[in-house]
């Protein structure tokens, strides 16, 4: 693959960052108009808030410098191994998933950069970036390598524990994730229930110490085994109410992949270095996240916009890889005494790929902005102890939540399909 800085050496992506987005609106939505966390840092000297910006320009400079570092790492440190990851793929042996050694080594390198926890709040040790920047992140990472990009995106699901978990759960599960010591996975779907999560049959029974025992089987769980020796924190949907009780009988639990049986992995057409696992829970200890009965209606739905955005950006990142690799080949290959990129039919083909790739990118980042316009304020209100009912009555939160709920599935669909199409 092409090596180089996948941000600064991508003029279209830099143009979108510099000229398309309204950063004042985005930064104020993320940081608050009075830059709440910077003020708190000045008052408390909390080291986790040290990077909190004090102005729109400072925030924009922070975002851009971070994308520069990310683009350099993925464009130069990851791309030499992309084909190796895919060719070696994964092996399942004695209940364990074996990753390519090169992938584990690259993960250790990216972990040490401090770039991983882009979507996790600063108060939990993350970077606290807007969803618009999360979109840029995946646009860059997925161009270089989809499996590693997926693992890093899923790690940022730790934010859901920051939102709804106790202080002890945040310190136990989220803080290690910000350091790359734990991966994350959504353990929702089952052999008979994929999209129909209302019908999930895995059960969770309360035991004497206040925790729960989980029983059931989960299927198609991306990164459900963790990565190498690093376990995955499994956000597990299970039924605390009666079977057939619908969404209100479902709760979300926290457990880890070293407490379940990895029964196998899927053999897929692509992304061969990304594990898609079947997990078996047999009296597995789990900690309840939030309250009983809100696992689907509050917690799981709180993750969907983030994951849809990641899928959309993944398609756009793949489209960018197709465009730049095609352009490189067409610039080097000569026919009729000139590079084939100068032949009209090829020129039109390249122009179409570039156009569609940038359409996907724009769809992705603007969808991220829609999420930004409500999510940060919603989390601030949650942390302030304001009731869900009162939060839902906030006109701006309700409006942008509805807009994001329309845009995220559309972006996921369009970018997935178009990313596949431009690759041909």
Protein backbone atom coordinates (compact mmCIF):
# COMPACT_ATOMS: atom_id res chain seq x y z
CA UNK A 1 0.00 0.00 0.00
CA UNK A 2 0.93 3.64 -0.41
CA UNK A 3 2.93 4.99 2.52
CA UNK A 4 2.88 8.56 3.78
CA UNK A 5 0.82 10.74 6.08
CA UNK A 6 -2.81 9.75 5.56
CA UNK A 7 -3.99 13.14 6.77
CA UNK A 8 -1.60 15.87 5.65
CA UNK A 9 -0.90 14.15 2.31
CA UNK A 10 -4.60 13.79 1.54
CA UNK A 11 -5.56 17.23 0.19
CA UNK A 12 -9.28 16.47 -0.01
CA UNK A 13 -9.42 15.42 3.64
CA UNK A 14 -7.46 18.49 4.75
CA UNK A 15 -9.79 20.70 2.69
CA UNK A 16 -12.83 19.23 4.45
CA UNK A 17 -11.21 19.90 7.83
CA UNK A 18 -10.11 23.45 6.98
CA UNK A 19 -13.02 24.79 4.95
CA UNK A 20 -16.20 22.72 5.24
CA UNK A 21 -17.04 22.33 8.92
CA UNK A 22 -18.25 24.98 11.35
CA UNK A 23 -15.72 24.41 14.11
CA UNK A 24 -17.11 27.09 16.38
CA UNK A 25 -20.44 25.29 16.50
CA UNK A 26 -18.79 21.88 16.98
CA UNK A 27 -16.35 23.00 19.68
CA UNK A 28 -19.01 24.85 21.64
CA UNK A 29 -21.25 21.78 21.51
CA UNK A 30 -18.42 19.55 22.72
CA UNK A 31 -16.72 21.81 25.27
CA UNK A 32 -19.55 24.13 26.25
CA UNK A 33 -19.48 27.81 25.33
CA UNK A 34 -17.59 28.60 28.54
CA UNK A 35 -15.10 25.69 28.09
CA UNK A 36 -16.20 23.93 31.24
CA UNK A 37 -13.39 21.38 31.56
CA UNK A 38 -10.62 23.93 31.01
CA UNK A 39 -12.05 26.02 33.84
CA UNK A 40 -12.28 22.94 36.02
CA UNK A 41 -8.64 22.13 35.27
CA UNK A 42 -7.57 25.61 36.38
CA UNK A 43 -9.52 25.18 39.62
CA UNK A 44 -8.61 21.57 40.46
CA UNK A 45 -5.39 20.82 38.54
CA UNK A 46 -6.95 17.47 37.56
CA UNK A 47 -4.31 15.98 35.25
CA UNK A 48 -6.96 14.23 33.15
CA UNK A 49 -8.27 17.65 32.09
CA UNK A 50 -4.87 19.11 31.19
CA UNK A 51 -5.57 18.94 27.44
CA UNK A 52 -9.00 20.57 27.68
CA UNK A 53 -8.94 23.54 25.26
CA UNK A 54 -9.70 27.11 26.31
CA UNK A 55 -10.82 28.43 22.91
CA UNK A 56 -12.15 27.33 19.54
CA UNK A 57 -8.77 27.88 17.88
CA UNK A 58 -6.96 25.91 20.55
CA UNK A 59 -9.42 23.04 20.13
CA UNK A 60 -9.09 23.11 16.35
CA UNK A 61 -5.28 23.10 16.60
CA UNK A 62 -5.45 20.16 19.01
CA UNK A 63 -7.71 18.19 16.67
CA UNK A 64 -5.56 18.91 13.63
CA UNK A 65 -2.25 18.08 15.30
CA UNK A 66 -3.75 14.82 16.58
CA UNK A 67 -4.99 13.86 13.11
CA UNK A 68 -1.52 14.66 11.80
CA UNK A 69 0.00 12.18 14.28
CA UNK A 70 -2.68 9.60 13.51
CA UNK A 71 -2.22 10.00 9.76
CA UNK A 72 1.54 9.60 10.09
CA UNK A 73 1.25 6.49 12.24
CA UNK A 74 -1.33 4.68 10.13
CA UNK A 75 0.18 5.77 6.82
CA UNK A 76 3.72 4.73 7.73
CA UNK A 77 3.60 2.24 10.62
CA UNK A 78 0.46 0.24 9.77
CA UNK A 79 0.38 0.09 5.97
CA UNK A 80 3.55 -2.04 5.61
CA UNK A 81 1.69 -4.84 7.43
CA UNK A 82 -1.85 -4.50 6.06
CA UNK A 83 -1.51 -7.32 3.53
CA UNK A 84 0.28 -9.48 6.13
CA UNK A 85 -2.62 -9.12 8.57
CA UNK A 86 -5.08 -10.18 5.89
CA UNK A 87 -3.02 -13.04 4.44
CA UNK A 88 -2.19 -14.58 7.81
CA UNK A 89 -5.64 -13.96 9.23
CA UNK A 90 -6.78 -15.55 12.48
CA UNK A 91 -6.55 -19.08 13.82
CA UNK A 92 -8.87 -20.69 16.33
CA UNK A 93 -7.19 -23.27 18.53
CA UNK A 94 -8.16 -24.80 21.88
CA UNK A 95 -10.71 -22.10 22.64
CA UNK A 96 -8.35 -19.23 21.81
CA UNK A 97 -8.09 -16.88 18.86
CA UNK A 98 -4.53 -16.48 17.60
CA UNK A 99 -3.70 -13.17 15.93
CA UNK A 100 -0.82 -12.43 13.54
CA UNK A 101 2.25 -11.49 15.58
CA UNK A 102 2.66 -8.40 13.44
CA UNK A 103 -0.81 -7.16 14.35
CA UNK A 104 -0.16 -7.50 18.08
CA UNK A 105 3.15 -5.64 17.66
CA UNK A 106 1.49 -2.80 15.74
CA UNK A 107 -1.29 -2.57 18.33
CA UNK A 108 1.31 -2.22 21.08
CA UNK A 109 2.88 0.64 19.13
CA UNK A 110 -0.37 2.52 18.56
CA UNK A 111 -1.33 1.95 22.20
CA UNK A 112 1.82 3.76 23.28
CA UNK A 113 1.00 6.83 21.17
CA UNK A 114 -1.91 7.78 23.43
CA UNK A 115 -4.16 8.20 20.38
CA UNK A 116 -6.61 5.38 21.15
CA UNK A 117 -9.35 6.83 23.42
CA UNK A 118 -10.58 9.54 21.05
CA UNK A 119 -14.29 9.22 21.96
CA UNK A 120 -13.90 8.61 25.70
CA UNK A 121 -14.44 11.54 28.05
CA UNK A 122 -11.39 13.24 29.54
CA UNK A 123 -12.63 12.69 33.08
CA UNK A 124 -12.16 8.95 32.47
CA UNK A 125 -8.71 9.44 30.95
CA UNK A 126 -9.78 9.77 27.30
CA UNK A 127 -9.22 12.50 24.73
CA UNK A 128 -12.83 13.70 24.72
CA UNK A 129 -12.99 14.57 21.02
CA UNK A 130 -16.20 15.40 19.10
CA UNK A 131 -17.91 12.78 16.97
CA UNK A 132 -16.89 14.79 13.90
CA UNK A 133 -13.26 14.04 14.82
CA UNK A 134 -14.21 10.42 15.49
CA UNK A 135 -15.32 10.36 11.86
CA UNK A 136 -11.95 11.73 10.70
CA UNK A 137 -10.20 9.15 12.86
CA UNK A 138 -11.91 6.23 11.17
CA UNK A 139 -11.57 7.76 7.70
CA UNK A 140 -7.80 7.67 8.25
CA UNK A 141 -7.56 4.34 10.08
CA UNK A 142 -9.85 2.38 7.75
CA UNK A 143 -7.93 3.55 4.69
CA UNK A 144 -4.87 1.85 6.17
CA UNK A 145 -6.40 -1.28 7.73
CA UNK A 146 -10.00 -2.20 8.53
CA UNK A 147 -9.41 -4.84 11.26
CA UNK A 148 -7.18 -2.57 13.38
CA UNK A 149 -9.56 0.32 12.81
CA UNK A 150 -12.48 -1.80 14.03
CA UNK A 151 -10.63 -2.86 17.17
CA UNK A 152 -9.83 0.75 18.05
CA UNK A 153 -13.36 1.96 17.32
CA UNK A 154 -14.82 -0.75 19.52
CA UNK A 155 -12.43 0.15 22.35
CA UNK A 156 -14.15 3.52 22.47
CA UNK A 157 -17.42 1.83 23.45
CA UNK A 158 -15.99 2.27 26.95
CA UNK A 159 -17.72 5.66 26.84
CA UNK A 160 -21.04 3.92 27.51
CA UNK A 161 -19.73 2.81 30.92
CA UNK A 162 -18.55 6.35 31.58
CA UNK A 163 -22.08 7.55 30.87
CA UNK A 164 -24.05 5.02 32.90
CA UNK A 165 -21.59 3.23 35.18
CA UNK A 166 -20.56 3.75 38.77
CA UNK A 167 -17.28 5.39 39.76
CA UNK A 168 -15.87 1.93 40.54
CA UNK A 169 -16.92 0.57 37.12
CA UNK A 170 -15.35 3.55 35.35
CA UNK A 171 -12.03 3.08 37.14
CA UNK A 172 -12.12 -0.71 36.68
CA UNK A 173 -13.10 -0.90 33.00
CA UNK A 174 -12.90 2.50 31.29
CA UNK A 175 -9.58 3.82 32.57
CA UNK A 176 -7.66 0.66 31.48
CA UNK A 177 -9.31 0.95 28.05
CA UNK A 178 -8.01 4.51 27.63
CA UNK A 179 -4.51 3.04 28.02
CA UNK A 180 -5.22 0.25 25.54
CA UNK A 181 -5.02 -2.42 28.23
CA UNK A 182 -8.55 -3.68 27.55
CA UNK A 183 -10.53 -3.97 24.32
CA UNK A 184 -14.33 -3.68 24.10
CA UNK A 185 -17.10 -5.55 22.31
CA UNK A 186 -20.88 -5.33 21.98
CA UNK A 187 -22.20 -8.76 22.96
CA UNK A 188 -25.79 -8.40 21.82
CA UNK A 189 -26.84 -10.74 19.02
CA UNK A 190 -27.67 -14.43 19.39
CA UNK A 191 -27.93 -17.43 17.05
CA UNK A 192 -31.68 -16.89 16.60
CA UNK A 193 -31.91 -13.16 17.26
CA UNK A 194 -29.80 -10.66 15.34
CA UNK A 195 -31.60 -7.43 14.55
CA UNK A 196 -34.55 -8.55 16.70
CA UNK A 197 -32.89 -7.70 20.00
CA UNK A 198 -36.27 -7.45 21.74
CA UNK A 199 -36.34 -11.26 21.65
CA UNK A 200 -32.90 -11.94 23.18
CA UNK A 201 -33.06 -15.08 25.36
CA UNK A 202 -29.77 -14.98 27.32
CA UNK A 203 -30.57 -14.66 31.01
CA UNK A 204 -29.01 -12.90 33.98
CA UNK A 205 -29.92 -14.01 37.50
CA UNK A 206 -29.03 -11.98 40.56
CA UNK A 207 -26.80 -13.74 43.07
CA UNK A 208 -26.14 -13.15 46.74
CA UNK A 209 -23.35 -10.57 46.35
CA UNK A 210 -25.43 -8.21 44.24
CA UNK A 211 -23.91 -9.25 40.91
CA UNK A 212 -25.45 -11.54 38.30
CA UNK A 213 -24.87 -14.92 36.66
CA UNK A 214 -25.28 -14.82 32.88
CA UNK A 215 -26.23 -17.83 30.75
CA UNK A 216 -26.66 -17.98 26.99
CA UNK A 217 -24.90 -17.85 23.64
CA UNK A 218 -23.92 -14.79 21.64
CA UNK A 219 -22.98 -14.88 17.96
CA UNK A 220 -21.31 -12.50 15.47
CA UNK A 221 -19.49 -10.61 18.24
CA UNK A 222 -16.74 -8.49 16.69
CA UNK A 223 -13.57 -8.46 18.80
CA UNK A 224 -15.35 -10.63 21.37
CA UNK A 225 -12.11 -12.43 22.24
CA UNK A 226 -10.03 -9.30 22.83
CA UNK A 227 -6.67 -9.01 21.06
CA UNK A 228 -3.79 -11.30 21.95
CA UNK A 229 -3.46 -11.45 25.72
CA UNK A 230 -5.60 -8.36 26.21
CA UNK A 231 -9.20 -9.28 27.10
CA UNK A 232 -12.31 -7.60 25.78
CA UNK A 233 -14.83 -6.01 28.09
CA UNK A 234 -18.13 -7.49 26.92
CA UNK A 235 -21.19 -5.24 27.06
CA UNK A 236 -23.69 -8.06 27.28
CA UNK A 237 -27.43 -7.82 26.72
CA UNK A 238 -29.35 -10.34 28.82
CA UNK A 239 -32.85 -10.83 30.14
CA UNK A 240 -33.60 -10.07 33.77
CA UNK A 241 -37.35 -10.13 33.18
CA UNK A 242 -39.47 -13.01 31.95
CA UNK A 243 -38.95 -14.55 28.51
CA UNK A 244 -41.09 -12.82 25.92
CA UNK A 245 -41.18 -9.69 28.03
CA UNK A 246 -39.80 -7.49 25.25
CA UNK A 247 -37.33 -4.63 25.57
CA UNK A 248 -38.18 -3.70 29.15
CA UNK A 249 -37.03 -7.09 30.39
CA UNK A 250 -33.51 -6.57 29.02
CA UNK A 251 -30.53 -5.26 30.96
CA UNK A 252 -26.89 -4.58 30.04
CA UNK A 253 -24.05 -6.25 31.91
CA UNK A 254 -20.30 -5.86 32.05
CA UNK A 255 -18.08 -8.93 31.96
CA UNK A 256 -14.82 -9.87 30.22
CA UNK A 257 -13.84 -12.31 27.51
CA UNK A 258 -11.61 -14.34 29.85
CA UNK A 259 -14.77 -15.35 31.77
CA UNK A 260 -16.61 -16.83 28.77
CA UNK A 261 -15.94 -19.63 26.31
CA UNK A 262 -14.97 -18.52 22.82
CA UNK A 263 -16.67 -21.34 20.93
CA UNK A 264 -15.41 -20.36 17.48
CA UNK A 265 -14.87 -17.61 14.92
CA UNK A 266 -16.55 -16.92 11.60
CA UNK A 267 -14.74 -17.56 8.32
CA UNK A 268 -15.38 -14.41 6.29
CA UNK A 269 -14.82 -13.12 2.76
CA UNK A 270 -12.74 -10.22 4.06
CA UNK A 271 -11.35 -8.44 7.14
CA UNK A 272 -9.63 -11.71 7.98
CA UNK A 273 -7.72 -10.26 10.95
CA UNK A 274 -10.89 -9.07 12.70
CA UNK A 275 -12.44 -11.80 14.89
CA UNK A 276 -16.19 -12.39 14.71
CA UNK A 277 -16.84 -14.68 17.66
CA UNK A 278 -19.38 -17.03 19.13
CA UNK A 279 -19.38 -16.69 22.92
CA UNK A 280 -20.88 -19.10 25.43
CA UNK A 281 -21.86 -17.84 28.88
CA UNK A 282 -22.17 -20.47 31.61
CA UNK A 283 -22.89 -18.89 34.99
CA UNK A 284 -20.62 -16.04 33.97
CA UNK A 285 -20.25 -13.26 36.53
CA UNK A 286 -21.56 -9.92 35.30
CA UNK A 287 -21.99 -6.44 36.73
CA UNK A 288 -25.20 -4.57 35.99
CA UNK A 289 -24.74 -1.33 34.04
CA UNK A 290 -27.27 1.36 34.99
CA UNK A 291 -30.61 -0.13 36.08
CA UNK A 292 -32.49 -3.31 35.31
CA UNK A 293 -34.77 -3.05 32.31
CA UNK A 294 -32.94 -0.23 30.47
CA UNK A 295 -30.26 -2.33 28.76
CA UNK A 296 -31.82 -1.96 25.32
CA UNK A 297 -33.93 1.17 25.60
CA UNK A 298 -31.22 3.37 27.09
CA UNK A 299 -27.76 1.78 27.09
CA UNK A 300 -27.67 -0.16 23.82
CA UNK A 301 -29.43 2.55 21.83
CA UNK A 302 -26.85 4.95 23.26
CA UNK A 303 -24.15 2.98 21.42
CA UNK A 304 -25.84 2.64 18.05
CA UNK A 305 -25.19 6.11 16.61
CA UNK A 306 -21.49 5.80 17.44
CA UNK A 307 -21.17 2.38 15.81
CA UNK A 308 -23.19 3.41 12.74
CA UNK A 309 -20.90 6.39 12.32
CA UNK A 310 -17.88 4.09 12.55
CA UNK A 311 -19.31 1.80 9.88
CA UNK A 312 -19.99 4.75 7.58
CA UNK A 313 -16.46 6.09 8.02
CA UNK A 314 -15.08 2.61 7.42
CA UNK A 315 -16.74 2.49 4.00
CA UNK A 316 -15.42 5.94 3.14
CA UNK A 317 -11.94 4.96 4.32
CA UNK A 318 -12.01 1.92 2.07
CA UNK A 319 -13.13 4.14 -0.79
CA UNK A 320 -10.17 6.45 -0.21
CA UNK A 321 -7.79 3.48 -0.27
CA UNK A 322 -9.31 2.36 -3.58
CA UNK A 323 -8.99 5.85 -5.06
CA UNK A 324 -5.39 6.55 -4.10
CA UNK A 325 -4.13 3.06 -4.97
CA UNK A 326 -5.91 3.30 -8.35
CA UNK A 327 -4.48 6.75 -8.99
CA UNK A 328 -0.96 5.52 -8.19
CA UNK A 329 -1.28 2.57 -10.55
CA UNK A 330 -2.81 4.69 -13.32
CA UNK A 331 0.03 7.20 -12.96
CA UNK A 332 2.69 4.50 -13.35
CA UNK A 333 1.12 2.32 -16.03
CA UNK A 334 1.70 3.59 -19.58
CA UNK A 335 -0.18 2.79 -22.78
CA UNK A 336 -0.11 4.59 -26.12
CA UNK A 337 2.90 6.56 -24.94
CA UNK A 338 1.28 8.13 -21.85
CA UNK A 339 0.11 7.20 -18.34
CA UNK A 340 -3.31 5.59 -18.47
CA UNK A 341 -4.62 8.22 -16.04
CA UNK A 342 -4.52 10.62 -19.01
CA UNK A 343 -6.75 8.37 -21.12
CA UNK A 344 -10.26 9.83 -21.09
CA UNK A 345 -12.11 6.69 -19.96
CA UNK A 346 -9.68 6.10 -17.09
CA UNK A 347 -9.68 9.78 -16.15
CA UNK A 348 -13.47 9.70 -15.86
CA UNK A 349 -13.32 6.53 -13.78
CA UNK A 350 -10.83 8.07 -11.35
CA UNK A 351 -12.87 11.27 -11.13
CA UNK A 352 -15.97 9.26 -10.24
CA UNK A 353 -14.16 7.32 -7.51
CA UNK A 354 -12.78 10.55 -6.05
CA UNK A 355 -16.19 12.23 -6.19
CA UNK A 356 -17.98 9.34 -4.51
CA UNK A 357 -15.25 8.98 -1.88
CA UNK A 358 -15.55 12.62 -0.91
CA UNK A 359 -19.34 12.36 -0.84
CA UNK A 360 -18.98 9.51 1.66
CA UNK A 361 -16.51 11.54 3.72
CA UNK A 362 -18.82 14.54 3.84
CA UNK A 363 -21.81 12.39 4.75
CA UNK A 364 -19.78 10.84 7.57
CA UNK A 365 -18.42 14.00 9.18
CA UNK A 366 -21.69 15.93 8.88
CA UNK A 367 -23.47 13.00 10.53
CA UNK A 368 -20.86 13.18 13.29
CA UNK A 369 -21.68 16.86 13.73
CA UNK A 370 -25.37 16.00 14.17
CA UNK A 371 -24.43 13.63 17.00
CA UNK A 372 -22.19 16.30 18.54
CA UNK A 373 -25.02 18.81 18.60
CA UNK A 374 -26.90 16.87 21.28
CA UNK A 375 -24.75 14.14 22.81
CA UNK A 376 -22.23 16.18 24.83
CA UNK A 377 -24.93 18.34 26.42
CA UNK A 378 -26.97 15.22 27.12
CA UNK A 379 -24.02 13.61 28.93
CA UNK A 380 -23.36 16.79 30.93
CA UNK A 381 -26.97 16.80 32.08
CA UNK A 382 -26.84 13.08 32.93
CA UNK A 383 -23.72 13.63 35.04
CA UNK A 384 -25.43 16.56 36.77
CA UNK A 385 -28.17 14.19 37.93
CA UNK A 386 -30.93 15.59 35.72
CA UNK A 387 -33.64 13.01 35.08
CA UNK A 388 -34.02 11.25 31.73
CA UNK A 389 -37.50 12.68 31.39
CA UNK A 390 -36.28 16.25 31.80
CA UNK A 391 -33.39 15.66 29.38
CA UNK A 392 -35.80 14.32 26.76
CA UNK A 393 -37.83 17.52 27.07
CA UNK A 394 -34.83 19.68 26.10
CA UNK A 395 -35.80 20.98 22.65
CA UNK A 396 -32.27 21.11 21.19
CA UNK A 397 -31.31 17.68 22.47
CA UNK A 398 -34.55 16.19 21.17
CA UNK A 399 -34.22 17.88 17.77
CA UNK A 400 -30.62 16.86 17.11
CA UNK A 401 -31.17 13.37 18.49
CA UNK A 402 -33.96 12.90 15.96
CA UNK A 403 -31.80 14.29 13.14
CA UNK A 404 -28.90 12.01 14.09
CA UNK A 405 -31.24 9.03 14.32
CA UNK A 406 -32.18 9.63 10.68
CA UNK A 407 -28.67 10.40 9.41
CA UNK A 408 -26.67 7.64 11.09
CA UNK A 409 -28.44 4.65 9.46
CA UNK A 410 -28.48 6.47 6.11
CA UNK A 411 -24.75 7.20 6.35
CA UNK A 412 -24.05 3.62 7.36
CA UNK A 413 -26.03 2.26 4.41
CA UNK A 414 -24.77 4.68 1.78
CA UNK A 415 -21.09 4.56 2.72
CA UNK A 416 -21.07 0.77 3.10
CA UNK A 417 -22.61 0.23 -0.32
CA UNK A 418 -20.68 2.98 -2.09
CA UNK A 419 -17.38 1.97 -0.48
CA UNK A 420 -17.90 -1.50 -1.91
CA UNK A 421 -18.91 -0.13 -5.30
CA UNK A 422 -15.90 2.17 -5.78
CA UNK A 423 -13.56 -0.71 -4.94
CA UNK A 424 -14.63 -2.33 -8.21
